[in-house]
Amino acid sequence: MKNPSAAVPAPSVSTRPGLSRRHFLRGAGIALSLPLLDSMWPMSAGTIAASATPVAEAVPRRMFAICNNLGLLPDRFFPKETGRGYALSPYLEHLKAHRDDLTVFSGVSHPDVDGGHPADNCFLTAAPHPGRGGFRNTISLDQYIAERIGHLTRFPSLNLGVNVEQGMRSLSWTGSGVLIPCEEKASDVFRHLFIQGTEAETADQVRKLELGRSILDSVADQAKTLQRRVGTHDRDRLDQYFTSVRELEQRMQMSREWERRPRPTVTASVPLDPASPREYMEKVRLMYDLARLAFETDSTRSVALLLDSVNSPAIEVDGTKITDGYHNLSHHGRSDAKLAQLRAIDEWHMKLLADLFAGLKGVREGDGTLLDRTMVLYGSNLGNANTHVTTNLPTIFAGGGFRHGQHLAFDRERNYPLPNLFVSMLQRMGIETDRFASATGTMRGLEMA
């Protein structure tokens, strides 16, 4: 199967006159824009891969991807030994109770993803060279999943954030490379998930969904006429495009049905939003709790969470006085005072991650636990924030039905592609594909349980 997030091949020259890009399909007074076709310019625009087909399961599988965009101190995170039975590093000691539920990776990165801080936008896309002018992102892992199995749950995906620089950073990107803003207020996310709207609000939402579907229906005849006017290659492109429109139509129908179903009931109450970005760790804890509740109620099966440490001030950490902004601390220059504060911050990240794993393990589902069915990816776009390098990324992968309890070490100079892990994750979700972004296959050394 061809890679749906690969760059479009360079166009070739032709003498055929072009069809204007301003050609639209119109219905209900609203324009539905077309994809870029060969007929719109005298060049070849490449091909689009067909969607993979999900395999239905009685007990669902899920994915939770977390990126801390300032990473962790490498010498405190990476184990010195490899394989199974490795000695835990100082940071991994905080995850000791879950060592058999997780795999630690070293020597992994996204090929050609450089540029320092802008690389956080590519954590789940692996699109190359994000710091260059004219960069355009590609589809993120969470949205790739949402497009294929998102119709099975009320919410195709959740895109969460902590202290995110809105409009500039996100882990979630559409197939056309458009940023999906993060939800940052825990109370709003909770209400979205679990608080039922009034009958009037529900009826209004259903009307909006029905309007959207009527627009798609109304352009059907125009679409057929257009297909007769273009060449064979463009007809294939249009067929794929209209297939995706029909899939959108089906998702809208499912959304309409979900609007009429009662939201799940949980014993938790609406969380109190922290008043200050300094309460960073409390925000992280709340987002972890919300992700667990969303999975427990099968409200979604795809969650992405960006911890925007770059955009965070001097945060509050129990037991240690933090005197400087998180970003400035990351450029420690080997200062003992800064390193001590960074260690305290990093250790709290590990403690909260341990609490997340414990919470997922505490929920029984079928003959296992929620963690058994939930893949948790924790990592960063930076291997060392002090030097802005985007190689040797600190990466933890837990749960999800894999054989864990190991340190998979790859070459720290010539890194192994982290997108290979994404392919393994997609296959575990029941999505039939052998490629994603710059992946060369599945993750070597990682076996299903």
Protein backbone atom coordinates (compact mmCIF):
# COMPACT_ATOMS: atom_id res chain seq x y z
CA MET A 1 0.00 0.00 0.00
CA LYS A 2 1.29 3.48 -0.85
CA ASN A 3 2.08 5.94 1.91
CA PRO A 4 -0.85 8.37 2.29
CA SER A 5 1.32 10.99 3.97
CA ALA A 6 4.19 10.93 1.49
CA ALA A 7 5.14 14.07 -0.40
CA VAL A 8 3.58 14.52 -3.83
CA PRO A 9 6.08 13.72 -6.63
CA ALA A 10 7.55 16.59 -8.62
CA PRO A 11 5.23 17.53 -11.51
CA SER A 12 6.12 16.87 -15.14
CA VAL A 13 5.52 19.26 -18.02
CA SER A 14 2.59 18.92 -20.42
CA THR A 15 1.09 21.10 -23.17
CA ARG A 16 -2.54 20.30 -22.25
CA PRO A 17 -4.63 23.37 -21.25
CA GLY A 18 -5.59 23.52 -17.58
CA LEU A 19 -8.94 23.47 -15.81
CA SER A 20 -9.28 26.42 -13.46
CA ARG A 21 -8.67 25.65 -9.75
CA ARG A 22 -11.61 27.95 -9.11
CA HIS A 23 -13.94 25.27 -10.45
CA PHE A 24 -16.27 24.34 -7.60
CA LEU A 25 -19.16 22.03 -7.00
CA ARG A 26 -22.00 24.02 -5.55
CA GLY A 27 -24.97 22.91 -3.48
CA ALA A 28 -27.34 24.67 -1.08
CA GLY A 29 -25.48 27.90 -1.85
CA ILE A 30 -22.20 26.55 -0.47
CA ALA A 31 -19.09 25.64 -2.49
CA LEU A 32 -17.33 22.30 -2.15
CA SER A 33 -13.75 22.76 -3.38
CA LEU A 34 -12.00 20.14 -5.47
CA PRO A 35 -8.62 18.52 -4.93
CA LEU A 36 -5.72 19.64 -7.11
CA LEU A 37 -6.07 17.73 -10.40
CA ASP A 38 -3.84 17.29 -13.43
CA SER A 39 -6.52 19.12 -15.42
CA MET A 40 -6.04 22.22 -13.26
CA TRP A 41 -2.47 22.72 -14.38
CA PRO A 42 -0.32 21.16 -17.08
CA MET A 43 1.53 18.92 -14.71
CA SER A 44 1.25 15.55 -12.94
CA ALA A 45 0.21 15.72 -9.30
CA GLY A 46 0.96 12.17 -8.24
CA THR A 47 -1.38 9.66 -6.68
CA ILE A 48 -3.36 9.25 -3.50
CA ALA A 49 -3.35 6.02 -1.56
CA ALA A 50 -6.59 4.22 -0.82
CA SER A 51 -7.78 3.96 2.77
CA ALA A 52 -6.91 0.92 4.80
CA THR A 53 -9.78 -1.22 6.05
CA PRO A 54 -10.15 -1.63 9.82
CA VAL A 55 -10.63 -5.06 11.32
CA ALA A 56 -13.47 -5.09 13.83
CA GLU A 57 -12.79 -6.44 17.33
CA ALA A 58 -15.12 -7.30 20.18
CA VAL A 59 -12.93 -5.46 22.71
CA PRO A 60 -11.50 -2.26 21.20
CA ARG A 61 -7.87 -1.18 21.05
CA ARG A 62 -6.81 2.37 21.68
CA MET A 63 -3.90 4.79 21.31
CA PHE A 64 -2.72 7.60 23.61
CA ALA A 65 0.22 9.64 22.28
CA ILE A 66 1.96 12.16 24.57
CA CYS A 67 4.71 14.57 23.55
CA ASN A 68 6.68 16.68 26.02
CA ASN A 69 8.37 19.12 23.65
CA LEU A 70 11.34 19.73 25.94
CA GLY A 71 12.08 16.07 26.47
CA LEU A 72 14.06 14.65 29.38
CA LEU A 73 17.67 14.80 30.52
CA PRO A 74 19.21 11.98 28.46
CA ASP A 75 21.76 10.76 31.00
CA ARG A 76 19.03 10.35 33.62
CA PHE A 77 16.56 8.66 31.27
CA PHE A 78 18.34 6.13 29.06
CA PRO A 79 19.33 2.79 30.64
CA LYS A 80 22.98 1.77 30.31
CA GLU A 81 22.07 -1.87 29.64
CA THR A 82 19.96 -3.27 26.82
CA GLY A 83 17.48 -6.10 26.32
CA ARG A 84 15.41 -7.65 29.08
CA GLY A 85 16.60 -7.48 32.67
CA TYR A 86 18.25 -4.09 32.11
CA ALA A 87 19.03 -1.94 35.16
CA LEU A 88 16.54 0.89 35.50
CA SER A 89 17.85 4.41 34.99
CA PRO A 90 17.16 7.05 37.70
CA TYR A 91 14.06 8.32 35.89
CA LEU A 92 12.75 4.84 35.07
CA GLU A 93 12.95 3.90 38.75
CA HIS A 94 9.72 5.87 39.11
CA LEU A 95 8.11 3.40 36.67
CA LYS A 96 9.50 0.32 38.43
CA ALA A 97 6.06 -1.09 39.21
CA HIS A 98 5.25 -1.09 35.50
CA ARG A 99 8.55 -2.20 33.95
CA ASP A 100 6.96 -5.36 32.52
CA ASP A 101 4.26 -3.22 30.90
CA LEU A 102 6.58 -0.94 28.94
CA THR A 103 9.43 -0.85 26.44
CA VAL A 104 12.13 1.82 26.44
CA PHE A 105 13.67 2.86 23.11
CA SER A 106 16.98 4.55 22.43
CA GLY A 107 18.61 5.41 19.12
CA VAL A 108 15.30 6.25 17.41
CA SER A 109 14.15 9.39 15.60
CA HIS A 110 12.10 10.67 12.67
CA PRO A 111 14.29 10.68 9.55
CA ASP A 112 14.92 14.22 8.22
CA VAL A 113 12.79 15.84 10.94
CA ASP A 114 15.09 18.65 12.06
CA GLY A 115 14.72 22.30 12.99
CA GLY A 116 14.69 22.08 16.77
CA HIS A 117 11.48 23.31 18.40
CA PRO A 118 9.27 23.25 15.25
CA ALA A 119 9.76 19.48 15.21
CA ASP A 120 7.05 19.08 17.87
CA ASN A 121 4.47 19.66 15.12
CA CYS A 122 5.90 16.56 13.41
CA PHE A 123 5.94 14.25 16.43
CA LEU A 124 2.98 12.26 15.07
CA THR A 125 3.45 13.07 11.37
CA ALA A 126 7.21 12.60 10.78
CA ALA A 127 6.98 15.15 7.96
CA PRO A 128 10.54 16.22 7.03
CA HIS A 129 12.24 19.59 7.56
CA PRO A 130 9.61 21.49 9.58
CA GLY A 131 11.91 24.48 10.02
CA ARG A 132 12.23 25.22 6.32
CA GLY A 133 10.29 27.88 4.47
CA GLY A 134 7.25 26.53 2.66
CA PHE A 135 7.00 23.51 4.96
CA ARG A 136 3.66 21.71 4.79
CA ASN A 137 2.75 19.09 7.34
CA THR A 138 1.12 15.73 6.66
CA ILE A 139 -1.49 13.64 8.44
CA SER A 140 -0.78 12.77 12.06
CA LEU A 141 -1.00 9.27 13.48
CA ASP A 142 -4.04 10.05 15.64
CA GLN A 143 -5.95 11.46 12.66
CA TYR A 144 -4.93 8.56 10.42
CA ILE A 145 -6.54 6.30 13.04
CA ALA A 146 -9.58 8.58 13.39
CA GLU A 147 -10.22 8.54 9.64
CA ARG A 148 -10.40 4.75 9.65
CA ILE A 149 -12.12 3.79 12.90
CA GLY A 150 -13.30 7.11 14.34
CA HIS A 151 -16.89 6.41 13.27
CA LEU A 152 -17.03 3.60 15.83
CA THR A 153 -17.05 6.04 18.76
CA ARG A 154 -18.83 9.28 19.64
CA PHE A 155 -15.61 11.25 19.10
CA PRO A 156 -13.23 10.16 16.32
CA SER A 157 -10.32 11.57 18.31
CA LEU A 158 -9.36 13.96 21.11
CA ASN A 159 -6.59 16.52 20.69
CA LEU A 160 -5.51 17.81 24.08
CA GLY A 161 -2.89 20.27 25.23
CA VAL A 162 -1.19 21.80 28.26
CA ASN A 163 -0.03 25.44 28.03
CA VAL A 164 -0.09 25.19 24.23
CA GLU A 165 0.84 28.14 22.04
CA GLN A 166 -2.44 28.07 20.14
CA GLY A 167 -2.26 28.32 16.37
CA MET A 168 1.43 27.49 16.38
CA ARG A 169 1.69 24.03 17.91
CA SER A 170 -0.34 20.83 17.82
CA LEU A 171 0.20 17.10 17.54
CA SER A 172 -2.91 16.68 15.35
CA TRP A 173 -2.87 17.50 11.63
CA THR A 174 -5.34 16.71 8.87
CA GLY A 175 -4.57 14.83 5.68
CA SER A 176 -4.06 18.17 3.92
CA GLY A 177 -1.60 19.35 6.57
CA VAL A 178 -3.91 21.70 8.49
CA LEU A 179 -3.33 22.18 12.22
CA ILE A 180 -6.11 20.97 14.54
CA PRO A 181 -6.17 23.19 17.65
CA CYS A 182 -5.71 21.59 21.07
CA GLU A 183 -8.37 21.52 23.75
CA GLU A 184 -6.78 22.93 26.90
CA LYS A 185 -9.57 23.40 29.44
CA ALA A 186 -10.17 20.16 31.31
CA SER A 187 -13.67 21.26 32.33
CA ASP A 188 -14.67 21.86 28.69
CA VAL A 189 -13.30 18.46 27.63
CA PHE A 190 -15.21 16.79 30.46
CA ARG A 191 -18.48 18.50 29.51
CA HIS A 192 -17.91 17.61 25.88
CA LEU A 193 -17.45 13.97 26.83
CA PHE A 194 -20.03 13.45 29.54
CA ILE A 195 -22.55 16.29 29.93
CA GLN A 196 -25.70 15.87 27.86
CA GLY A 197 -26.96 18.98 26.10
CA THR A 198 -30.55 20.16 26.26
CA GLU A 199 -33.10 18.88 23.73
CA ALA A 200 -32.90 22.21 21.90
CA GLU A 201 -29.09 22.04 21.71
CA THR A 202 -29.22 18.47 20.45
CA ALA A 203 -31.81 19.35 17.80
CA ASP A 204 -29.69 22.31 16.65
CA GLN A 205 -26.60 20.11 16.27
CA VAL A 206 -28.57 17.50 14.31
CA ARG A 207 -29.85 20.23 11.97
CA LYS A 208 -26.28 21.34 11.28
CA LEU A 209 -25.24 17.77 10.51
CA GLU A 210 -28.23 17.30 8.20
CA LEU A 211 -27.39 20.52 6.35
CA GLY A 212 -23.85 19.32 5.77
CA ARG A 213 -25.07 16.04 4.37
CA SER A 214 -27.60 17.75 2.10
CA ILE A 215 -24.77 19.81 0.59
CA LEU A 216 -22.86 16.65 -0.26
CA ASP A 217 -25.98 15.09 -1.77
CA SER A 218 -26.76 18.14 -3.88
CA VAL A 219 -23.42 18.14 -5.72
CA ALA A 220 -23.66 14.51 -6.85
CA ASP A 221 -24.95 15.29 -10.36
CA GLN A 222 -22.36 18.02 -10.89
CA ALA A 223 -19.64 15.60 -9.81
CA LYS A 224 -20.68 13.08 -12.46
CA THR A 225 -20.62 15.76 -15.14
CA LEU A 226 -17.16 16.90 -14.08
CA GLN A 227 -15.79 13.35 -14.17
CA ARG A 228 -16.77 13.10 -17.85
CA ARG A 229 -14.77 16.24 -18.67
CA VAL A 230 -11.37 15.18 -17.29
CA GLY A 231 -8.73 12.62 -18.22
CA THR A 232 -8.36 9.06 -16.95
CA HIS A 233 -5.87 9.95 -14.23
CA ASP A 234 -8.04 12.78 -12.94
CA ARG A 235 -11.09 10.51 -12.98
CA ASP A 236 -9.21 8.17 -10.65
CA ARG A 237 -8.29 11.10 -8.42
CA LEU A 238 -11.86 12.33 -8.38
CA ASP A 239 -13.14 8.85 -7.64
CA GLN A 240 -10.84 8.70 -4.62
CA TYR A 241 -11.91 12.21 -3.62
CA PHE A 242 -15.61 11.44 -3.85
CA THR A 243 -15.03 8.18 -2.00
CA SER A 244 -13.60 10.24 0.86
CA VAL A 245 -16.60 12.58 0.62
CA ARG A 246 -18.93 9.58 0.87
CA GLU A 247 -16.97 8.38 3.90
CA LEU A 248 -17.38 11.84 5.41
CA GLU A 249 -21.10 11.58 4.68
CA GLN A 250 -21.21 8.26 6.56
CA ARG A 251 -19.32 9.78 9.50
CA MET A 252 -21.78 12.67 9.56
CA GLN A 253 -24.65 10.18 9.65
CA MET A 254 -22.98 8.41 12.56
CA SER A 255 -22.46 11.76 14.30
CA ARG A 256 -26.15 12.51 13.94
CA GLU A 257 -26.97 9.18 15.55
CA TRP A 258 -24.50 9.81 18.36
CA GLU A 259 -26.12 13.18 19.09
CA ARG A 260 -29.37 11.37 19.90
CA ARG A 261 -27.73 8.84 22.23
CA PRO A 262 -27.22 9.66 25.91
CA ARG A 263 -23.66 10.40 26.92
CA PRO A 264 -22.01 7.90 29.29
CA THR A 265 -22.36 8.42 33.03
CA VAL A 266 -19.22 8.66 35.17
CA THR A 267 -18.79 9.07 38.91
CA ALA A 268 -16.18 11.80 38.46
CA SER A 269 -17.29 15.42 38.68
CA VAL A 270 -16.41 18.31 36.39
CA PRO A 271 -12.74 19.13 37.06
CA LEU A 272 -11.65 22.51 38.36
CA ASP A 273 -9.41 24.17 35.81
CA PRO A 274 -6.06 25.36 37.20
CA ALA A 275 -5.99 29.14 37.21
CA SER A 276 -2.37 29.58 36.16
CA PRO A 277 0.01 28.05 33.59
CA ARG A 278 2.35 27.60 36.56
CA GLU A 279 0.06 24.71 37.64
CA TYR A 280 1.48 22.72 34.74
CA MET A 281 1.71 19.37 36.54
CA GLU A 282 -1.89 19.57 37.75
CA LYS A 283 -2.97 20.25 34.17
CA VAL A 284 -1.04 17.18 33.01
CA ARG A 285 -2.67 15.03 35.69
CA LEU A 286 -6.15 16.21 34.69
CA MET A 287 -5.54 15.45 31.01
CA TYR A 288 -4.29 11.95 31.88
CA ASP A 289 -7.45 11.38 33.93
CA LEU A 290 -9.66 12.60 31.09
CA ALA A 291 -7.94 10.34 28.57
CA ARG A 292 -8.48 7.35 30.87
CA LEU A 293 -12.17 8.21 31.32
CA ALA A 294 -12.61 8.66 27.56
CA PHE A 295 -11.12 5.21 26.93
CA GLU A 296 -13.00 3.60 29.81
CA THR A 297 -16.33 4.80 28.38
CA ASP A 298 -15.21 4.04 24.79
CA SER A 299 -15.93 7.66 23.89
CA THR A 300 -12.88 7.68 21.61
CA ARG A 301 -9.98 5.39 20.70
CA SER A 302 -7.45 7.99 19.63
CA VAL A 303 -6.04 10.68 21.93
CA ALA A 304 -3.09 13.03 21.40
CA LEU A 305 -1.68 15.27 24.14
CA LEU A 306 0.91 18.01 23.61
CA LEU A 307 2.72 19.17 26.75
CA ASP A 308 3.97 22.54 25.56
CA SER A 309 6.85 22.97 27.98
CA VAL A 310 8.41 25.55 25.65
CA ASN A 311 5.44 27.83 26.33
CA SER A 312 5.42 27.27 30.11
CA PRO A 313 6.65 29.67 32.80
CA ALA A 314 8.39 28.79 36.06
CA ILE A 315 6.09 25.93 36.99
CA GLU A 316 5.07 24.62 40.39
CA VAL A 317 6.66 21.34 41.47
CA ASP A 318 6.13 19.85 44.93
CA GLY A 319 9.31 19.79 46.99
CA THR A 320 11.43 21.98 44.72
CA LYS A 321 11.43 25.73 44.13
CA ILE A 322 11.48 26.42 40.40
CA THR A 323 13.04 29.83 39.75
CA ASP A 324 13.02 30.08 35.98
CA GLY A 325 10.85 29.33 32.97
CA TYR A 326 10.79 25.71 31.78
CA HIS A 327 12.33 26.62 28.40
CA ASN A 328 15.15 28.61 29.92
CA LEU A 329 15.93 25.77 32.33
CA SER A 330 16.24 23.39 29.39
CA HIS A 331 19.18 25.49 28.17
CA HIS A 332 21.03 24.66 31.35
CA GLY A 333 24.62 24.99 30.11
CA ARG A 334 25.53 22.37 32.73
CA SER A 335 24.51 24.74 35.52
CA ASP A 336 24.06 22.65 38.68
CA ALA A 337 21.18 24.83 39.88
CA LYS A 338 19.28 24.52 36.59
CA LEU A 339 19.98 20.80 36.30
CA ALA A 340 18.63 20.19 39.81
CA GLN A 341 15.38 21.94 38.91
CA LEU A 342 15.11 20.07 35.61
CA ARG A 343 15.61 16.75 37.39
CA ALA A 344 12.77 17.59 39.76
CA ILE A 345 10.49 18.46 36.82
CA ASP A 346 11.44 15.33 34.88
CA GLU A 347 10.86 13.10 37.89
CA TRP A 348 7.37 14.53 38.31
CA HIS A 349 6.67 13.69 34.71
CA MET A 350 7.65 10.09 35.44
CA LYS A 351 5.52 10.00 38.61
CA LEU A 352 2.46 11.24 36.72
CA LEU A 353 3.12 8.70 33.98
CA ALA A 354 3.30 5.97 36.62
CA ASP A 355 -0.08 7.15 37.95
CA LEU A 356 -1.52 7.00 34.42
CA PHE A 357 -0.34 3.41 33.99
CA ALA A 358 -1.72 2.46 37.39
CA GLY A 359 -5.07 4.03 36.56
CA LEU A 360 -5.31 2.16 33.25
CA LYS A 361 -4.31 -1.10 34.92
CA GLY A 362 -6.93 -0.54 37.60
CA VAL A 363 -9.78 -0.75 35.06
CA ARG A 364 -10.81 -4.28 34.10
CA GLU A 365 -11.91 -4.83 30.53
CA GLY A 366 -12.80 -8.29 29.29
CA ASP A 367 -10.15 -10.73 30.46
CA GLY A 368 -7.52 -8.00 30.88
CA THR A 369 -7.07 -4.38 31.86
CA LEU A 370 -7.53 -1.09 30.06
CA LEU A 371 -3.74 -0.81 29.75
CA ASP A 372 -3.65 -4.19 27.98
CA ARG A 373 -5.85 -2.66 25.29
CA THR A 374 -4.38 0.85 25.27
CA MET A 375 -1.07 1.73 23.61
CA VAL A 376 0.59 4.64 25.43
CA LEU A 377 3.39 6.44 23.60
CA TYR A 378 5.38 8.95 25.66
CA GLY A 379 8.22 10.84 24.05
CA SER A 380 9.59 14.07 22.68
CA ASN A 381 10.61 15.73 19.44
CA LEU A 382 13.95 16.66 21.04
CA GLY A 383 16.67 14.24 22.08
CA ASN A 384 18.43 16.96 24.03
CA ALA A 385 16.66 20.28 24.54
CA ASN A 386 19.90 21.96 25.61
CA THR A 387 21.31 21.56 22.09
CA HIS A 388 18.01 21.33 20.12
CA VAL A 389 18.98 18.00 18.55
CA THR A 390 16.11 15.92 17.12
CA THR A 391 17.89 12.55 17.25
CA ASN A 392 18.02 9.80 19.91
CA LEU A 393 14.55 10.68 21.14
CA PRO A 394 13.61 9.53 24.66
CA THR A 395 10.71 7.16 24.05
CA ILE A 396 8.52 4.97 26.25
CA PHE A 397 5.91 2.67 24.80
CA ALA A 398 3.53 0.88 27.16
CA GLY A 399 0.54 -1.46 27.10
CA GLY A 400 -1.51 -2.28 24.05
CA GLY A 401 -0.92 -6.03 23.91
CA PHE A 402 2.83 -6.16 23.21
CA ARG A 403 5.64 -8.10 24.90
CA HIS A 404 7.32 -5.45 27.01
CA GLY A 405 9.89 -5.38 29.82
CA GLN A 406 12.84 -4.48 27.59
CA HIS A 407 15.17 -1.73 26.45
CA LEU A 408 15.33 -1.78 22.65
CA ALA A 409 18.57 0.01 21.82
CA PHE A 410 19.44 1.13 18.28
CA ASP A 411 22.41 3.03 16.89
CA ARG A 412 22.52 6.43 18.57
CA GLU A 413 24.48 7.93 15.69
CA ARG A 414 22.56 6.39 12.78
CA ASN A 415 19.08 6.22 14.27
CA TYR A 416 16.38 3.67 13.56
CA PRO A 417 13.10 5.16 12.20
CA LEU A 418 10.57 5.80 14.96
CA PRO A 419 7.73 5.78 12.38
CA ASN A 420 8.23 2.00 12.26
CA LEU A 421 6.66 1.96 15.71
CA PHE A 422 3.68 3.83 14.25
CA VAL A 423 3.18 1.05 11.69
CA SER A 424 3.22 -1.55 14.49
CA MET A 425 0.68 0.54 16.39
CA LEU A 426 -1.61 0.88 13.39
CA GLN A 427 -1.53 -2.85 12.76
CA ARG A 428 -2.31 -3.50 16.43
CA MET A 429 -5.31 -1.20 16.05
CA GLY A 430 -6.53 -3.52 13.31
CA ILE A 431 -5.67 -1.13 10.47
CA GLU A 432 -4.16 -2.93 7.51
CA THR A 433 -1.11 -0.96 6.39
CA ASP A 434 2.63 -1.53 6.17
CA ARG A 435 3.71 2.10 5.74
CA PHE A 436 3.34 5.43 7.48
CA ALA A 437 5.38 8.54 6.68
CA SER A 438 9.08 7.55 6.50
CA ALA A 439 8.60 4.08 8.02
CA THR A 440 10.44 1.17 6.44
CA GLY A 441 8.28 -1.52 8.07
CA THR A 442 7.23 -2.50 11.59
CA MET A 443 9.32 -1.89 14.71
CA ARG A 444 12.14 -4.40 14.92
CA GLY A 445 12.29 -6.30 18.22
CA LEU A 446 8.77 -5.40 19.31
CA GLU A 447 6.48 -8.42 19.39
CA MET A 448 2.76 -8.75 20.05
CA ALA A 449 1.83 -10.54 23.25
